[in-house]
Amino acid sequence: MEKFVDPNFFIVTKTNTKGVITYANKYFLDIVACSEREVLHKPHNIVRHPDMPRIIFKLLWDTISKQQEMFAYVKNKTFDECFYWVFADVTASVDEQGNTIGYYSVRRTPNRKALDEIIIPLYARLREAEKGGGMDASRRLLEETLAARNCSYDKWVNQLQRL
């Protein structure tokens, strides 16, 4: 069963450099249906839904590890066997010397039309490509999709969010 993110709230988490949760706001805990104890000091992928193409997370980690901001549509699972979609903004947290000390993610309600008409079908194709040819096949399909639109994934999803 799908849960829907309230447009009046933001879902916020922080992780260390390994993706282990160091902070989760109340709305995250509420939508995921868990306690702080159940998620703090656990890998953030504890909420990763199996419907998510691995290539999107590879792109995300490749981008944020260079201290570049990344936007993405993400489907997560909850502790009560539901799921929810978000439009995520993930950035590196840096210290005074400019070293990455963790990551900060703010998620909000996704554009439902873009999600239903474009993202969900694309993600299904990416997962099928991964099943048949691994991450390389999924990457090629994503690159072809983006080349047809003449933009990066990040820019494209930002455009979709504003539709």
N, C-alpha and C. Protein backbone atom coordinates (compact mmCIF):
# COMPACT_ATOMS: atom_id res chain seq x y z
N MET A 1 0.84 -1.17 0.00
CA MET A 1 0.00 0.00 0.00
C MET A 1 0.90 1.24 0.00
N GLU A 2 0.50 2.21 -0.79
CA GLU A 2 1.27 3.44 -0.90
C GLU A 2 0.87 4.45 0.16
N LYS A 3 1.88 5.09 0.73
CA LYS A 3 1.68 6.24 1.61
C LYS A 3 2.05 7.48 0.81
N PHE A 4 1.43 8.58 1.12
CA PHE A 4 1.70 9.81 0.39
C PHE A 4 2.33 10.85 1.32
N VAL A 5 3.38 11.49 0.82
CA VAL A 5 4.08 12.51 1.59
C VAL A 5 3.22 13.76 1.63
N ASP A 6 3.01 14.27 2.82
CA ASP A 6 2.24 15.50 3.02
C ASP A 6 3.03 16.67 2.44
N PRO A 7 2.44 17.45 1.53
CA PRO A 7 3.18 18.57 0.93
C PRO A 7 3.55 19.67 1.93
N ASN A 8 3.00 19.62 3.12
CA ASN A 8 3.32 20.61 4.14
C ASN A 8 4.54 20.23 4.98
N PHE A 9 5.12 19.06 4.73
CA PHE A 9 6.25 18.59 5.53
C PHE A 9 7.41 18.17 4.65
N PHE A 10 8.59 18.20 5.25
CA PHE A 10 9.80 17.69 4.61
C PHE A 10 10.29 16.50 5.41
N ILE A 11 10.79 15.51 4.70
CA ILE A 11 11.43 14.35 5.32
C ILE A 11 12.93 14.65 5.33
N VAL A 12 13.54 14.59 6.51
CA VAL A 12 14.95 14.95 6.63
C VAL A 12 15.71 13.84 7.34
N THR A 13 16.85 13.49 6.75
CA THR A 13 17.79 12.58 7.41
C THR A 13 19.20 13.08 7.16
N LYS A 14 20.08 12.68 8.05
CA LYS A 14 21.52 12.92 7.89
C LYS A 14 22.20 11.58 8.04
N THR A 15 23.30 11.41 7.32
CA THR A 15 24.09 10.19 7.43
C THR A 15 25.56 10.55 7.59
N ASN A 16 26.35 9.56 7.99
CA ASN A 16 27.79 9.74 7.95
C ASN A 16 28.26 9.47 6.52
N THR A 17 29.54 9.44 6.29
CA THR A 17 30.06 9.25 4.92
C THR A 17 29.82 7.85 4.38
N LYS A 18 29.46 6.91 5.24
CA LYS A 18 29.18 5.54 4.81
C LYS A 18 27.69 5.31 4.58
N GLY A 19 26.87 6.35 4.76
CA GLY A 19 25.43 6.20 4.55
C GLY A 19 24.68 5.67 5.76
N VAL A 20 25.29 5.74 6.93
CA VAL A 20 24.65 5.29 8.17
C VAL A 20 23.89 6.48 8.77
N ILE A 21 22.65 6.27 9.12
CA ILE A 21 21.78 7.34 9.61
C ILE A 21 22.26 7.85 10.97
N THR A 22 22.46 9.18 11.03
CA THR A 22 22.85 9.84 12.28
C THR A 22 21.75 10.76 12.80
N TYR A 23 20.78 11.07 11.96
CA TYR A 23 19.65 11.91 12.36
C TYR A 23 18.46 11.58 11.47
N ALA A 24 17.28 11.57 12.05
CA ALA A 24 16.03 11.41 11.29
C ALA A 24 14.97 12.27 11.95
N ASN A 25 14.30 13.11 11.15
CA ASN A 25 13.27 13.95 11.77
C ASN A 25 12.01 13.14 12.04
N LYS A 26 11.11 13.74 12.80
CA LYS A 26 9.88 13.06 13.22
C LYS A 26 9.05 12.61 12.03
N TYR A 27 8.98 13.44 10.98
CA TYR A 27 8.16 13.06 9.83
C TYR A 27 8.73 11.82 9.13
N PHE A 28 10.04 11.70 9.06
CA PHE A 28 10.64 10.48 8.51
C PHE A 28 10.22 9.28 9.35
N LEU A 29 10.35 9.40 10.66
CA LEU A 29 9.98 8.29 11.55
C LEU A 29 8.51 7.94 11.39
N ASP A 30 7.67 8.96 11.26
CA ASP A 30 6.23 8.72 11.11
C ASP A 30 5.90 8.00 9.80
N ILE A 31 6.45 8.47 8.70
CA ILE A 31 6.09 7.87 7.41
C ILE A 31 6.69 6.47 7.26
N VAL A 32 7.88 6.28 7.81
CA VAL A 32 8.54 4.98 7.74
C VAL A 32 7.94 4.00 8.76
N ALA A 33 7.22 4.55 9.74
CA ALA A 33 6.56 3.75 10.79
C ALA A 33 7.59 3.03 11.65
N CYS A 34 8.50 3.81 12.19
CA CYS A 34 9.54 3.24 13.04
C CYS A 34 9.90 4.21 14.15
N SER A 35 10.71 3.72 15.06
CA SER A 35 11.23 4.57 16.13
C SER A 35 12.64 5.02 15.75
N GLU A 36 13.12 6.03 16.44
CA GLU A 36 14.49 6.48 16.23
C GLU A 36 15.47 5.34 16.45
N ARG A 37 15.23 4.57 17.49
CA ARG A 37 16.10 3.44 17.84
C ARG A 37 16.21 2.43 16.69
N GLU A 38 15.15 2.29 15.92
CA GLU A 38 15.14 1.31 14.83
C GLU A 38 15.94 1.76 13.60
N VAL A 39 16.22 3.06 13.48
CA VAL A 39 16.94 3.53 12.29
C VAL A 39 18.27 4.21 12.57
N LEU A 40 18.41 4.83 13.74
CA LEU A 40 19.69 5.49 14.03
C LEU A 40 20.80 4.46 14.07
N HIS A 41 21.93 4.84 13.44
CA HIS A 41 23.12 3.98 13.37
C HIS A 41 22.91 2.75 12.48
N LYS A 42 21.91 2.83 11.61
CA LYS A 42 21.65 1.78 10.61
C LYS A 42 21.91 2.37 9.22
N PRO A 43 22.26 1.55 8.25
CA PRO A 43 22.45 2.04 6.89
C PRO A 43 21.14 2.63 6.34
N HIS A 44 21.26 3.74 5.62
CA HIS A 44 20.06 4.39 5.08
C HIS A 44 19.32 3.46 4.12
N ASN A 45 20.04 2.52 3.52
CA ASN A 45 19.36 1.61 2.60
C ASN A 45 18.40 0.66 3.29
N ILE A 46 18.24 0.82 4.60
CA ILE A 46 17.23 0.05 5.33
C ILE A 46 15.82 0.36 4.80
N VAL A 47 15.66 1.52 4.16
CA VAL A 47 14.36 1.90 3.59
C VAL A 47 14.36 1.82 2.05
N ARG A 48 15.42 1.32 1.46
CA ARG A 48 15.48 1.22 0.00
C ARG A 48 14.47 0.20 -0.50
N HIS A 49 13.64 0.63 -1.41
CA HIS A 49 12.64 -0.27 -1.99
C HIS A 49 13.28 -1.08 -3.11
N PRO A 50 12.96 -2.37 -3.21
CA PRO A 50 13.56 -3.19 -4.28
C PRO A 50 13.17 -2.77 -5.69
N ASP A 51 12.14 -1.94 -5.84
CA ASP A 51 11.76 -1.44 -7.16
C ASP A 51 12.71 -0.36 -7.69
N MET A 52 13.59 0.14 -6.84
CA MET A 52 14.51 1.20 -7.27
C MET A 52 15.65 0.63 -8.10
N PRO A 53 15.89 1.23 -9.27
CA PRO A 53 17.03 0.79 -10.07
C PRO A 53 18.34 1.12 -9.35
N ARG A 54 19.26 0.18 -9.36
CA ARG A 54 20.56 0.40 -8.70
C ARG A 54 21.34 1.54 -9.34
N ILE A 55 21.13 1.77 -10.64
CA ILE A 55 21.88 2.81 -11.33
C ILE A 55 21.57 4.20 -10.76
N ILE A 56 20.36 4.41 -10.27
CA ILE A 56 20.02 5.71 -9.69
C ILE A 56 20.84 5.95 -8.43
N PHE A 57 21.02 4.93 -7.60
CA PHE A 57 21.83 5.10 -6.39
C PHE A 57 23.31 5.22 -6.72
N LYS A 58 23.76 4.53 -7.77
CA LYS A 58 25.16 4.70 -8.19
C LYS A 58 25.38 6.13 -8.64
N LEU A 59 24.48 6.65 -9.45
CA LEU A 59 24.57 8.04 -9.89
C LEU A 59 24.55 8.99 -8.69
N LEU A 60 23.67 8.72 -7.74
CA LEU A 60 23.57 9.56 -6.56
C LEU A 60 24.89 9.57 -5.78
N TRP A 61 25.43 8.39 -5.49
CA TRP A 61 26.68 8.32 -4.73
C TRP A 61 27.85 8.91 -5.50
N ASP A 62 27.91 8.68 -6.81
CA ASP A 62 28.98 9.28 -7.62
C ASP A 62 28.92 10.80 -7.57
N THR A 63 27.72 11.34 -7.54
CA THR A 63 27.53 12.80 -7.54
C THR A 63 27.83 13.40 -6.18
N ILE A 64 27.21 12.89 -5.13
CA ILE A 64 27.38 13.51 -3.81
C ILE A 64 28.78 13.28 -3.25
N SER A 65 29.45 12.21 -3.66
CA SER A 65 30.82 11.99 -3.17
C SER A 65 31.78 13.04 -3.72
N LYS A 66 31.37 13.75 -4.77
CA LYS A 66 32.16 14.87 -5.32
C LYS A 66 31.67 16.21 -4.76
N GLN A 67 30.88 16.14 -3.69
CA GLN A 67 30.30 17.32 -3.03
C GLN A 67 29.40 18.12 -3.97
N GLN A 68 28.75 17.42 -4.88
CA GLN A 68 27.76 18.04 -5.76
C GLN A 68 26.37 17.65 -5.29
N GLU A 69 25.45 18.58 -5.36
CA GLU A 69 24.07 18.33 -4.96
C GLU A 69 23.39 17.43 -5.98
N MET A 70 22.51 16.57 -5.51
CA MET A 70 21.80 15.64 -6.40
C MET A 70 20.32 15.63 -6.07
N PHE A 71 19.51 15.70 -7.10
CA PHE A 71 18.06 15.57 -6.97
C PHE A 71 17.67 14.25 -7.61
N ALA A 72 16.69 13.56 -7.02
CA ALA A 72 16.27 12.27 -7.57
C ALA A 72 14.87 11.92 -7.08
N TYR A 73 14.16 11.19 -7.93
CA TYR A 73 12.90 10.57 -7.51
C TYR A 73 13.27 9.23 -6.90
N VAL A 74 12.76 8.97 -5.68
CA VAL A 74 13.12 7.76 -4.96
C VAL A 74 11.87 7.12 -4.37
N LYS A 75 11.81 5.79 -4.53
CA LYS A 75 10.76 5.00 -3.89
C LYS A 75 11.39 4.30 -2.69
N ASN A 76 10.80 4.49 -1.52
CA ASN A 76 11.28 3.87 -0.29
C ASN A 76 10.23 2.94 0.28
N LYS A 77 10.69 2.01 1.10
CA LYS A 77 9.77 1.12 1.79
C LYS A 77 9.67 1.55 3.25
N THR A 78 8.61 1.09 3.90
CA THR A 78 8.38 1.42 5.30
C THR A 78 8.46 0.15 6.14
N PHE A 79 8.49 0.33 7.43
CA PHE A 79 8.56 -0.81 8.35
C PHE A 79 7.22 -1.54 8.46
N ASP A 80 6.14 -0.90 8.00
CA ASP A 80 4.83 -1.54 8.05
C ASP A 80 4.39 -2.06 6.67
N GLU A 81 5.39 -2.39 5.83
CA GLU A 81 5.19 -3.03 4.53
C GLU A 81 4.45 -2.17 3.51
N CYS A 82 4.61 -0.87 3.62
CA CYS A 82 4.07 0.07 2.63
C CYS A 82 5.24 0.66 1.86
N PHE A 83 4.95 1.61 0.99
CA PHE A 83 6.00 2.34 0.28
C PHE A 83 5.55 3.78 0.10
N TYR A 84 6.52 4.63 -0.24
CA TYR A 84 6.22 6.03 -0.53
C TYR A 84 7.26 6.56 -1.51
N TRP A 85 6.84 7.52 -2.32
CA TRP A 85 7.71 8.18 -3.28
C TRP A 85 8.08 9.56 -2.76
N VAL A 86 9.32 9.98 -3.05
CA VAL A 86 9.76 11.32 -2.69
C VAL A 86 10.56 11.93 -3.83
N PHE A 87 10.66 13.25 -3.78
CA PHE A 87 11.62 13.98 -4.60
C PHE A 87 12.71 14.39 -3.63
N ALA A 88 13.89 13.81 -3.78
CA ALA A 88 14.98 13.97 -2.82
C ALA A 88 16.01 14.98 -3.30
N ASP A 89 16.53 15.74 -2.36
CA ASP A 89 17.64 16.66 -2.57
C ASP A 89 18.72 16.22 -1.59
N VAL A 90 19.85 15.72 -2.11
CA VAL A 90 20.91 15.18 -1.26
C VAL A 90 22.17 16.00 -1.48
N THR A 91 22.78 16.42 -0.37
CA THR A 91 24.00 17.23 -0.43
C THR A 91 25.01 16.71 0.58
N ALA A 92 26.25 17.04 0.34
CA ALA A 92 27.31 16.69 1.29
C ALA A 92 27.32 17.71 2.42
N SER A 93 27.59 17.22 3.62
CA SER A 93 27.87 18.10 4.76
C SER A 93 29.38 18.18 4.86
N VAL A 94 29.91 19.39 4.96
CA VAL A 94 31.35 19.58 4.99
C VAL A 94 31.78 20.30 6.26
N ASP A 95 33.02 20.04 6.67
CA ASP A 95 33.58 20.73 7.83
C ASP A 95 34.25 22.03 7.38
N GLU A 96 34.87 22.73 8.31
CA GLU A 96 35.50 24.03 7.99
C GLU A 96 36.63 23.92 6.98
N GLN A 97 37.24 22.74 6.88
CA GLN A 97 38.33 22.54 5.91
C GLN A 97 37.82 22.08 4.55
N GLY A 98 36.52 21.90 4.42
CA GLY A 98 35.94 21.47 3.15
C GLY A 98 35.89 19.97 2.98
N ASN A 99 36.13 19.22 4.04
CA ASN A 99 36.07 17.75 3.98
C ASN A 99 34.64 17.29 4.18
N THR A 100 34.24 16.29 3.41
CA THR A 100 32.91 15.71 3.58
C THR A 100 32.87 14.94 4.89
N ILE A 101 31.86 15.28 5.73
CA ILE A 101 31.71 14.59 7.01
C ILE A 101 30.41 13.80 7.08
N GLY A 102 29.61 13.91 6.02
CA GLY A 102 28.35 13.18 5.97
C GLY A 102 27.49 13.72 4.84
N TYR A 103 26.22 13.33 4.86
CA TYR A 103 25.28 13.75 3.82
C TYR A 103 23.96 14.13 4.46
N TYR A 104 23.27 15.04 3.81
CA TYR A 104 22.03 15.61 4.31
C TYR A 104 21.01 15.46 3.20
N SER A 105 19.85 14.91 3.52
CA SER A 105 18.82 14.73 2.51
C SER A 105 17.50 15.31 2.98
N VAL A 106 16.92 16.13 2.10
CA VAL A 106 15.59 16.70 2.34
C VAL A 106 14.70 16.17 1.22
N ARG A 107 13.62 15.51 1.62
CA ARG A 107 12.71 14.94 0.64
C ARG A 107 11.34 15.57 0.79
N ARG A 108 10.68 15.72 -0.35
CA ARG A 108 9.33 16.33 -0.36
C ARG A 108 8.44 15.57 -1.32
N THR A 109 7.21 16.02 -1.37
CA THR A 109 6.21 15.40 -2.24
C THR A 109 6.69 15.45 -3.69
N PRO A 110 6.65 14.34 -4.39
CA PRO A 110 7.03 14.34 -5.81
C PRO A 110 5.88 14.85 -6.68
N ASN A 111 6.23 15.30 -7.86
CA ASN A 111 5.22 15.67 -8.86
C ASN A 111 4.56 14.38 -9.32
N ARG A 112 3.32 14.20 -8.98
CA ARG A 112 2.63 12.93 -9.25
C ARG A 112 2.51 12.63 -10.74
N LYS A 113 2.24 13.65 -11.53
CA LYS A 113 2.09 13.43 -12.98
C LYS A 113 3.42 12.95 -13.58
N ALA A 114 4.52 13.59 -13.21
CA ALA A 114 5.83 13.18 -13.71
C ALA A 114 6.17 11.78 -13.22
N LEU A 115 5.84 11.50 -12.00
CA LEU A 115 6.10 10.20 -11.41
C LEU A 115 5.35 9.10 -12.17
N ASP A 116 4.04 9.28 -12.33
CA ASP A 116 3.21 8.26 -12.96
C ASP A 116 3.49 8.08 -14.45
N GLU A 117 3.71 9.19 -15.16
CA GLU A 117 3.84 9.12 -16.61
C GLU A 117 5.27 8.89 -17.10
N ILE A 118 6.26 9.28 -16.29
CA ILE A 118 7.63 9.22 -16.79
C ILE A 118 8.55 8.38 -15.89
N ILE A 119 8.63 8.71 -14.62
CA ILE A 119 9.61 8.09 -13.73
C ILE A 119 9.30 6.60 -13.48
N ILE A 120 8.08 6.28 -13.11
CA ILE A 120 7.76 4.87 -12.82
C ILE A 120 8.00 3.99 -14.04
N PRO A 121 7.53 4.38 -15.24
CA PRO A 121 7.84 3.54 -16.42
C PRO A 121 9.35 3.46 -16.71
N LEU A 122 10.06 4.59 -16.56
CA LEU A 122 11.51 4.57 -16.80
C LEU A 122 12.21 3.65 -15.81
N TYR A 123 11.87 3.76 -14.54
CA TYR A 123 12.51 2.92 -13.54
C TYR A 123 12.23 1.44 -13.79
N ALA A 124 11.05 1.12 -14.26
CA ALA A 124 10.73 -0.28 -14.61
C ALA A 124 11.64 -0.76 -15.74
N ARG A 125 11.85 0.08 -16.75
CA ARG A 125 12.74 -0.29 -17.86
C ARG A 125 14.19 -0.43 -17.37
N LEU A 126 14.61 0.46 -16.48
CA LEU A 126 15.97 0.39 -15.95
C LEU A 126 16.17 -0.90 -15.16
N ARG A 127 15.18 -1.28 -14.37
CA ARG A 127 15.28 -2.54 -13.60
C ARG A 127 15.34 -3.74 -14.54
N GLU A 128 14.55 -3.73 -15.59
CA GLU A 128 14.58 -4.82 -16.57
C GLU A 128 15.95 -4.90 -17.24
N ALA A 129 16.51 -3.74 -17.58
CA ALA A 129 17.84 -3.72 -18.18
C ALA A 129 18.87 -4.30 -17.21
N GLU A 130 18.75 -3.95 -15.92
CA GLU A 130 19.66 -4.48 -14.91
C GLU A 130 19.55 -6.00 -14.79
N LYS A 131 18.32 -6.51 -14.87
CA LYS A 131 18.12 -7.97 -14.78
C LYS A 131 18.80 -8.68 -15.94
N GLY A 132 18.71 -8.10 -17.14
CA GLY A 132 19.25 -8.75 -18.33
C GLY A 132 20.72 -8.49 -18.59
N GLY A 133 21.20 -7.31 -18.19
CA GLY A 133 22.58 -6.97 -18.53
C GLY A 133 23.35 -6.27 -17.44
N GLY A 134 22.82 -6.29 -16.24
CA GLY A 134 23.53 -5.69 -15.11
C GLY A 134 23.49 -4.17 -15.12
N MET A 135 24.30 -3.62 -14.26
CA MET A 135 24.36 -2.18 -14.09
C MET A 135 24.77 -1.45 -15.38
N ASP A 136 25.65 -2.06 -16.18
CA ASP A 136 26.08 -1.42 -17.42
C ASP A 136 24.91 -1.23 -18.38
N ALA A 137 24.05 -2.22 -18.48
CA ALA A 137 22.90 -2.12 -19.38
C ALA A 137 21.95 -1.03 -18.89
N SER A 138 21.75 -0.96 -17.59
CA SER A 138 20.89 0.07 -17.01
C SER A 138 21.49 1.46 -17.22
N ARG A 139 22.81 1.57 -17.04
CA ARG A 139 23.49 2.85 -17.25
C ARG A 139 23.34 3.31 -18.69
N ARG A 140 23.54 2.39 -19.64
CA ARG A 140 23.41 2.75 -21.06
C ARG A 140 22.00 3.24 -21.38
N LEU A 141 21.00 2.55 -20.86
CA LEU A 141 19.61 2.95 -21.10
C LEU A 141 19.34 4.34 -20.50
N LEU A 142 19.83 4.58 -19.30
CA LEU A 142 19.66 5.89 -18.68
C LEU A 142 20.38 6.97 -19.48
N GLU A 143 21.60 6.68 -19.92
CA GLU A 143 22.35 7.65 -20.72
C GLU A 143 21.64 7.96 -22.04
N GLU A 144 21.09 6.94 -22.69
CA GLU A 144 20.34 7.16 -23.93
C GLU A 144 19.10 8.02 -23.68
N THR A 145 18.41 7.75 -22.59
CA THR A 145 17.21 8.52 -22.23
C THR A 145 17.56 9.97 -22.01
N LEU A 146 18.65 10.22 -21.30
CA LEU A 146 19.07 11.59 -21.00
C LEU A 146 19.62 12.29 -22.24
N ALA A 147 20.34 11.56 -23.08
CA ALA A 147 20.87 12.15 -24.31
C ALA A 147 19.73 12.61 -25.21
N ALA A 148 18.65 11.87 -25.24
CA ALA A 148 17.49 12.26 -26.06
C ALA A 148 16.87 13.56 -25.55
N ARG A 149 17.08 13.86 -24.28
CA ARG A 149 16.56 15.09 -23.68
C ARG A 149 17.63 16.15 -23.57
N ASN A 150 18.85 15.80 -23.93
CA ASN A 150 19.99 16.71 -23.93
C ASN A 150 20.23 17.34 -22.55
N CYS A 151 20.16 16.51 -21.49
CA CYS A 151 20.44 17.04 -20.16
C CYS A 151 20.82 15.92 -19.21
N SER A 152 21.28 16.31 -18.05
CA SER A 152 21.65 15.34 -17.01
C SER A 152 20.40 14.85 -16.29
N TYR A 153 20.54 13.75 -15.56
CA TYR A 153 19.42 13.24 -14.77
C TYR A 153 18.94 14.30 -13.80
N ASP A 154 19.87 14.92 -13.11
CA ASP A 154 19.56 15.92 -12.10
C ASP A 154 18.73 17.08 -12.69
N LYS A 155 19.19 17.62 -13.81
CA LYS A 155 18.46 18.72 -14.44
C LYS A 155 17.10 18.26 -14.96
N TRP A 156 17.06 17.06 -15.51
CA TRP A 156 15.81 16.54 -16.05
C TRP A 156 14.76 16.36 -14.96
N VAL A 157 15.15 15.75 -13.83
CA VAL A 157 14.15 15.53 -12.78
C VAL A 157 13.71 16.85 -12.15
N ASN A 158 14.60 17.83 -12.13
CA ASN A 158 14.18 19.15 -11.64
C ASN A 158 13.13 19.76 -12.56
N GLN A 159 13.31 19.58 -13.88
CA GLN A 159 12.32 20.06 -14.84
C GLN A 159 11.00 19.31 -14.64
N LEU A 160 11.07 18.01 -14.44
CA LEU A 160 9.86 17.21 -14.23
C LEU A 160 9.14 17.63 -12.95
N GLN A 161 9.88 17.94 -11.92
CA GLN A 161 9.26 18.33 -10.66
C GLN A 161 8.46 19.62 -10.81
N ARG A 162 8.86 20.47 -11.76
CA ARG A 162 8.18 21.76 -11.96
C ARG A 162 7.03 21.70 -12.95
N LEU A 163 6.78 20.54 -13.57
CA LEU A 163 5.69 20.42 -14.54
C LEU A 163 4.35 20.80 -13.94
